């Protein structure tokens, strides 16, 4: 058996670690070059792990460049694992895998196909989820499922917590599935198209806080878009961009004000009035020096 792994983030590293542990044959690792990783959230230089284990590797900027396509064809792999890659892999690469191209998605497919899956699940209040390994086909996360593994999301989890939970689920799933791929005993299951739902693209601008929404929605937005993502944000006095990295919801029994208005300031936190509570912000960041003042407001712009 011959196989290739293409990846760029933590889930890519998790799968490579598990492949090494079960002595899964790996003929080449394609790792996103660190020079082009600036805008890749959660980047991992998996070529370092490959090198440490004497596995051949190539760094790439664009996996669909002709030199990579030709090399992959020459390797003539049975399986190609495309794990944690934001680039779309061209048809030539997919067709070069004799038995199939395997992808990873941190949702219970066919539910929540598409983009920004961990962010959307927090925003939607999902508490019971699953990660999926599946065969990549011409659709969006629509190929036959190889295996799934459950994980939970709590109302206190930030996106980094959910990233780690989904990786642990992938680790467990990989230990179960890789030996079956290796010995040819996997039994892929077709997805039920009637149950499919789709997550659409999100951009950094979607992190703007609407202070007229319930505090639970604001809190979810902060948790969902926190590091390593761009963060939920607002504008102090309508001018100074402020990113909210960590907060909590508390009851408001003292302050009457306008949503987005600063009610209290201490050395450890800032309390902001919301329509149904106080948002206590423990960690925020501004793009310029600013002194926050009680009674001043945060606005959408």
Protein backbone atom coordinates (compact mmCIF):
# COMPACT_ATOMS: atom_id res chain seq x y z
CA UNK A 1 0.00 0.00 0.00
CA UNK A 2 1.12 3.52 -0.80
CA UNK A 3 -0.25 6.70 0.79
CA UNK A 4 0.23 10.46 0.89
CA UNK A 5 -0.74 12.99 3.57
CA UNK A 6 -1.42 16.62 2.67
CA UNK A 7 -2.00 19.06 5.54
CA UNK A 8 -1.23 22.28 7.38
CA UNK A 9 -2.83 22.38 10.85
CA UNK A 10 -3.23 20.56 14.15
CA UNK A 11 -5.58 17.89 12.82
CA UNK A 12 -3.00 17.10 10.11
CA UNK A 13 -0.39 16.54 12.81
CA UNK A 14 -2.74 14.36 14.87
CA UNK A 15 -3.37 12.04 11.94
CA UNK A 16 0.33 11.86 11.05
CA UNK A 17 1.18 10.97 14.66
CA UNK A 18 -1.38 8.18 14.65
CA UNK A 19 -0.23 6.90 11.25
CA UNK A 20 3.30 6.65 12.64
CA UNK A 21 2.09 4.83 15.77
CA UNK A 22 0.27 2.11 13.79
CA UNK A 23 3.08 1.85 11.22
CA UNK A 24 0.79 2.99 8.42
CA UNK A 25 2.75 3.22 5.15
CA UNK A 26 3.43 6.89 4.27
CA UNK A 27 5.26 7.58 1.03
CA UNK A 28 5.15 11.38 1.15
CA UNK A 29 3.99 14.19 3.43
CA UNK A 30 3.06 17.50 1.82
CA UNK A 31 3.33 20.28 4.42
CA UNK A 32 2.35 23.91 3.94
CA UNK A 33 5.53 25.97 3.94
CA UNK A 34 5.76 28.13 7.06
CA UNK A 35 6.53 31.12 4.84
CA UNK A 36 2.92 31.04 3.63
CA UNK A 37 1.21 30.23 6.93
CA UNK A 38 0.48 33.74 8.22
CA UNK A 39 -3.27 33.57 7.54
CA UNK A 40 -3.68 29.90 8.48
CA UNK A 41 -5.28 29.61 11.93
CA UNK A 42 -3.69 26.82 13.98
CA UNK A 43 -0.83 26.21 11.53
CA UNK A 44 1.44 23.22 12.23
CA UNK A 45 4.71 22.52 10.37
CA UNK A 46 4.06 18.81 9.92
CA UNK A 47 7.22 18.47 7.83
CA UNK A 48 9.15 18.65 11.11
CA UNK A 49 7.37 15.54 12.41
CA UNK A 50 7.91 13.81 9.08
CA UNK A 51 11.62 14.64 9.12
CA UNK A 52 12.00 13.41 12.72
CA UNK A 53 10.56 10.06 11.65
CA UNK A 54 12.49 9.74 8.37
CA UNK A 55 9.37 10.18 6.25
CA UNK A 56 9.84 11.89 2.86
CA UNK A 57 8.22 15.33 2.70
CA UNK A 58 7.74 18.36 0.51
CA UNK A 59 6.86 21.89 1.53
CA UNK A 60 4.32 23.60 -0.67
CA UNK A 61 2.70 26.94 -1.23
CA UNK A 62 0.00 25.71 -3.62
CA UNK A 63 -0.61 21.98 -3.64
CA UNK A 64 -2.04 22.16 -7.16
CA UNK A 65 1.24 23.37 -8.71
CA UNK A 66 2.32 21.19 -11.61
CA UNK A 67 5.42 19.83 -9.89
CA UNK A 68 3.37 18.51 -6.96
CA UNK A 69 0.66 17.09 -9.20
CA UNK A 70 3.20 15.22 -11.29
CA UNK A 71 5.04 13.89 -8.25
CA UNK A 72 1.80 12.65 -6.68
CA UNK A 73 0.90 10.88 -9.93
CA UNK A 74 4.32 9.22 -10.00
CA UNK A 75 3.93 7.99 -6.43
CA UNK A 76 0.76 6.27 -7.63
CA UNK A 77 -0.87 6.22 -4.17
CA UNK A 78 -3.66 3.96 -3.03
CA UNK A 79 -4.87 6.61 -0.60
CA UNK A 80 -4.37 10.34 -0.27
CA UNK A 81 -5.25 11.91 3.09
CA UNK A 82 -6.20 15.59 2.79
CA UNK A 83 -6.48 16.72 6.41
CA UNK A 84 -6.72 20.33 7.58
CA UNK A 85 -6.17 22.03 4.23
CA UNK A 86 -8.04 25.15 3.16
CA UNK A 87 -6.94 24.81 -0.47
CA UNK A 88 -9.20 22.89 -2.82
CA UNK A 89 -7.38 19.89 -4.28
CA UNK A 90 -7.70 19.70 -8.05
CA UNK A 91 -9.30 16.78 -9.87
CA UNK A 92 -5.97 15.46 -11.18
CA UNK A 93 -4.75 14.83 -7.64
CA UNK A 94 -8.00 13.21 -6.55
CA UNK A 95 -8.02 10.93 -9.57
CA UNK A 96 -4.45 9.79 -8.87
CA UNK A 97 -5.54 7.92 -5.71
CA UNK A 98 -6.40 4.35 -6.68
CA UNK A 99 -8.65 3.65 -3.70
CA UNK A 100 -9.70 7.13 -2.65
CA UNK A 101 -8.98 10.49 -1.06
CA UNK A 102 -9.81 10.73 2.64
CA UNK A 103 -10.83 13.94 4.38
CA UNK A 104 -11.65 15.06 7.92
CA UNK A 105 -14.55 17.21 9.10
CA UNK A 106 -15.28 18.06 12.78
CA UNK A 107 -19.05 17.57 12.50
CA UNK A 108 -21.50 14.64 12.40
CA UNK A 109 -21.80 14.47 8.64
CA UNK A 110 -24.07 14.88 6.77
CA UNK A 111 -24.99 17.65 9.25
CA UNK A 112 -22.94 20.85 9.12
CA UNK A 113 -21.07 20.36 5.90
CA UNK A 114 -19.01 23.33 4.79
CA UNK A 115 -17.02 26.19 6.27
CA UNK A 116 -15.98 27.32 9.77
CA UNK A 117 -17.50 24.21 11.32
CA UNK A 118 -16.26 24.69 14.89
CA UNK A 119 -17.22 28.37 14.95
CA UNK A 120 -20.70 27.67 13.64
CA UNK A 121 -21.32 24.83 16.10
CA UNK A 122 -20.59 27.12 19.06
CA UNK A 123 -22.80 29.86 17.59
CA UNK A 124 -25.61 27.35 17.08
CA UNK A 125 -25.35 26.06 20.65
CA UNK A 126 -24.44 22.52 19.60
CA UNK A 127 -23.50 20.42 22.63
CA UNK A 128 -23.14 16.90 21.19
CA UNK A 129 -21.00 16.62 18.08
CA UNK A 130 -18.91 14.10 16.15
CA UNK A 131 -15.88 14.27 13.92
CA UNK A 132 -15.90 12.37 10.64
CA UNK A 133 -13.39 10.73 8.33
CA UNK A 134 -14.86 10.35 4.86
CA UNK A 135 -14.04 9.87 1.21
CA UNK A 136 -13.74 13.15 -0.67
CA UNK A 137 -15.87 13.31 -3.80
CA UNK A 138 -17.01 16.11 -6.10
CA UNK A 139 -19.50 17.48 -3.53
CA UNK A 140 -19.00 19.49 -0.35
CA UNK A 141 -18.08 17.03 2.43
CA UNK A 142 -20.54 14.61 0.83
CA UNK A 143 -18.54 11.41 0.31
CA UNK A 144 -19.04 8.07 2.03
CA UNK A 145 -18.25 8.06 5.76
CA UNK A 146 -15.41 5.84 6.97
CA UNK A 147 -15.93 6.48 10.67
CA UNK A 148 -17.14 8.99 13.28
CA UNK A 149 -16.27 9.78 16.90
CA UNK A 150 -18.28 11.79 19.44
CA UNK A 151 -17.17 14.81 21.44
CA UNK A 152 -19.00 17.38 23.56
CA UNK A 153 -19.15 21.18 23.55
CA UNK A 154 -20.04 22.98 26.78
CA UNK A 155 -21.51 26.46 27.26
CA UNK A 156 -18.13 27.57 28.65
CA UNK A 157 -15.91 26.21 25.87
CA UNK A 158 -13.99 28.64 23.72
CA UNK A 159 -13.14 27.66 20.17
CA UNK A 160 -9.61 26.61 21.18
CA UNK A 161 -11.17 24.16 23.66
CA UNK A 162 -13.36 22.72 20.93
CA UNK A 163 -10.38 22.47 18.59
CA UNK A 164 -8.57 20.34 21.17
CA UNK A 165 -11.67 18.22 21.79
CA UNK A 166 -12.17 17.57 18.09
CA UNK A 167 -8.50 16.63 17.77
CA UNK A 168 -8.80 14.15 20.63
CA UNK A 169 -11.84 12.66 18.89
CA UNK A 170 -9.84 12.43 15.66
CA UNK A 171 -7.04 10.69 17.54
CA UNK A 172 -9.45 8.08 18.91
CA UNK A 173 -11.12 7.67 15.51
CA UNK A 174 -7.78 7.31 13.72
CA UNK A 175 -6.67 4.55 16.07
CA UNK A 176 -9.84 2.67 15.23
CA UNK A 177 -9.94 3.33 11.48
CA UNK A 178 -6.34 3.32 10.25
CA UNK A 179 -5.76 -0.40 10.88
CA UNK A 180 -8.95 -1.16 8.96
CA UNK A 181 -7.84 0.99 6.03
CA UNK A 182 -4.51 -0.79 6.15
CA UNK A 183 -5.98 -4.30 6.05
CA UNK A 184 -8.81 -3.41 3.67
CA UNK A 185 -11.67 -4.10 6.08
CA UNK A 186 -13.30 -0.65 6.14
CA UNK A 187 -17.00 -0.50 5.31
CA UNK A 188 -17.83 3.05 4.15
CA UNK A 189 -21.39 4.28 4.70
CA UNK A 190 -23.23 6.47 2.25
CA UNK A 191 -24.44 9.82 3.62
CA UNK A 192 -28.16 10.53 3.80
CA UNK A 193 -28.62 13.57 1.57
CA UNK A 194 -32.00 14.35 3.13
CA UNK A 195 -30.25 15.07 6.45
CA UNK A 196 -27.56 17.31 4.96
CA UNK A 197 -27.14 20.90 6.19
CA UNK A 198 -24.58 23.44 5.03
CA UNK A 199 -22.45 25.98 6.88
CA UNK A 200 -21.66 29.03 4.78
CA UNK A 201 -18.46 31.03 4.72
CA UNK A 202 -17.63 33.43 7.54
CA UNK A 203 -15.30 36.42 7.33
CA UNK A 204 -13.58 38.45 10.09
CA UNK A 205 -16.23 41.15 9.65
CA UNK A 206 -18.87 38.69 10.86
CA UNK A 207 -17.34 39.01 14.33
CA UNK A 208 -18.86 42.46 14.94
CA UNK A 209 -20.95 42.53 18.13
CA UNK A 210 -24.58 43.64 18.03
CA UNK A 211 -25.19 44.94 21.55
CA UNK A 212 -28.97 44.70 21.07
CA UNK A 213 -28.81 40.91 20.91
CA UNK A 214 -29.27 38.73 24.03
CA UNK A 215 -26.12 38.44 26.11
CA UNK A 216 -26.00 34.69 25.44
CA UNK A 217 -25.56 35.38 21.72
CA UNK A 218 -22.79 37.90 22.36
CA UNK A 219 -21.02 35.48 24.69
CA UNK A 220 -21.23 32.71 22.09
CA UNK A 221 -19.80 35.00 19.44
CA UNK A 222 -16.85 35.83 21.69
CA UNK A 223 -16.21 32.15 22.48
CA UNK A 224 -16.65 31.06 18.86
CA UNK A 225 -14.32 33.60 17.27
CA UNK A 226 -11.65 33.85 19.96
CA UNK A 227 -8.02 32.86 19.35
CA UNK A 228 -6.74 31.43 17.06
CA UNK A 229 -9.49 33.17 15.04
CA UNK A 230 -9.79 36.96 14.52
CA UNK A 231 -12.10 37.61 17.47
CA UNK A 232 -15.43 39.30 18.24
CA UNK A 233 -15.13 43.07 18.15
CA UNK A 234 -16.79 46.44 18.61
CA UNK A 235 -15.76 50.10 18.39
CA UNK A 236 -15.13 52.12 21.54
CA UNK A 237 -16.79 55.53 21.17
CA UNK A 238 -17.57 54.42 17.65
CA UNK A 239 -13.92 54.77 16.57
CA UNK A 240 -11.42 52.46 18.26
CA UNK A 241 -11.63 48.81 17.28
CA UNK A 242 -11.70 46.60 20.38
CA UNK A 243 -11.45 42.80 20.25
CA UNK A 244 -13.04 40.82 23.08
CA UNK A 245 -11.06 37.63 23.73
CA UNK A 246 -12.51 36.42 27.02
CA UNK A 247 -15.67 37.26 28.96
CA UNK A 248 -18.50 35.91 31.09
CA UNK A 249 -22.17 36.68 31.61
CA UNK A 250 -23.30 37.98 34.98
CA UNK A 251 -26.60 39.21 36.35
CA UNK A 252 -27.24 42.95 36.25
CA UNK A 253 -28.97 44.15 39.42
CA UNK A 254 -27.39 47.63 39.66
CA UNK A 255 -26.86 49.38 36.37
CA UNK A 256 -29.34 51.02 34.05
CA UNK A 257 -27.90 51.97 30.72
CA UNK A 258 -27.78 51.55 26.98
CA UNK A 259 -26.61 48.23 25.51
CA UNK A 260 -22.88 48.53 24.86
CA UNK A 261 -22.35 51.11 27.62
CA UNK A 262 -19.55 50.63 30.18
CA UNK A 263 -21.03 50.19 33.66
CA UNK A 264 -17.99 49.37 35.78
CA UNK A 265 -14.20 49.18 35.46
CA UNK A 266 -11.68 47.41 37.68
CA UNK A 267 -8.08 46.22 37.29
CA UNK A 268 -9.34 42.76 36.31
CA UNK A 269 -12.39 43.41 34.13
CA UNK A 270 -14.78 45.79 32.41
CA UNK A 271 -18.56 45.36 32.80
CA UNK A 272 -20.67 46.27 29.79
CA UNK A 273 -24.46 46.67 29.81
CA UNK A 274 -26.40 44.21 27.66
CA UNK A 275 -30.16 43.92 27.17
CA UNK A 276 -30.43 41.08 29.69
CA UNK A 277 -27.30 41.16 31.84
CA UNK A 278 -23.74 42.39 32.16
CA UNK A 279 -20.91 41.20 29.97
CA UNK A 280 -17.84 41.01 32.18
CA UNK A 281 -14.81 41.25 29.89
CA UNK A 282 -11.56 39.82 31.26
CA UNK A 283 -9.35 40.11 28.19
CA UNK A 284 -9.62 42.61 25.38
CA UNK A 285 -7.33 44.22 22.83
CA UNK A 286 -7.35 47.56 20.99
CA UNK A 287 -5.49 48.74 17.92
CA UNK A 288 -4.34 51.90 19.73
CA UNK A 289 -3.84 53.15 23.27
CA UNK A 290 -7.12 54.02 24.96
CA UNK A 291 -8.45 54.81 28.42
CA UNK A 292 -11.87 53.29 28.99
CA UNK A 293 -14.33 55.49 30.88
CA UNK A 294 -17.54 54.53 32.68
CA UNK A 295 -20.58 55.67 30.72
CA UNK A 296 -18.84 55.59 27.36
CA UNK A 297 -20.15 53.12 24.78
CA UNK A 298 -19.13 50.43 22.37
CA UNK A 299 -20.86 50.54 18.97
CA UNK A 300 -20.97 48.44 15.82
CA UNK A 301 -19.07 51.17 13.98
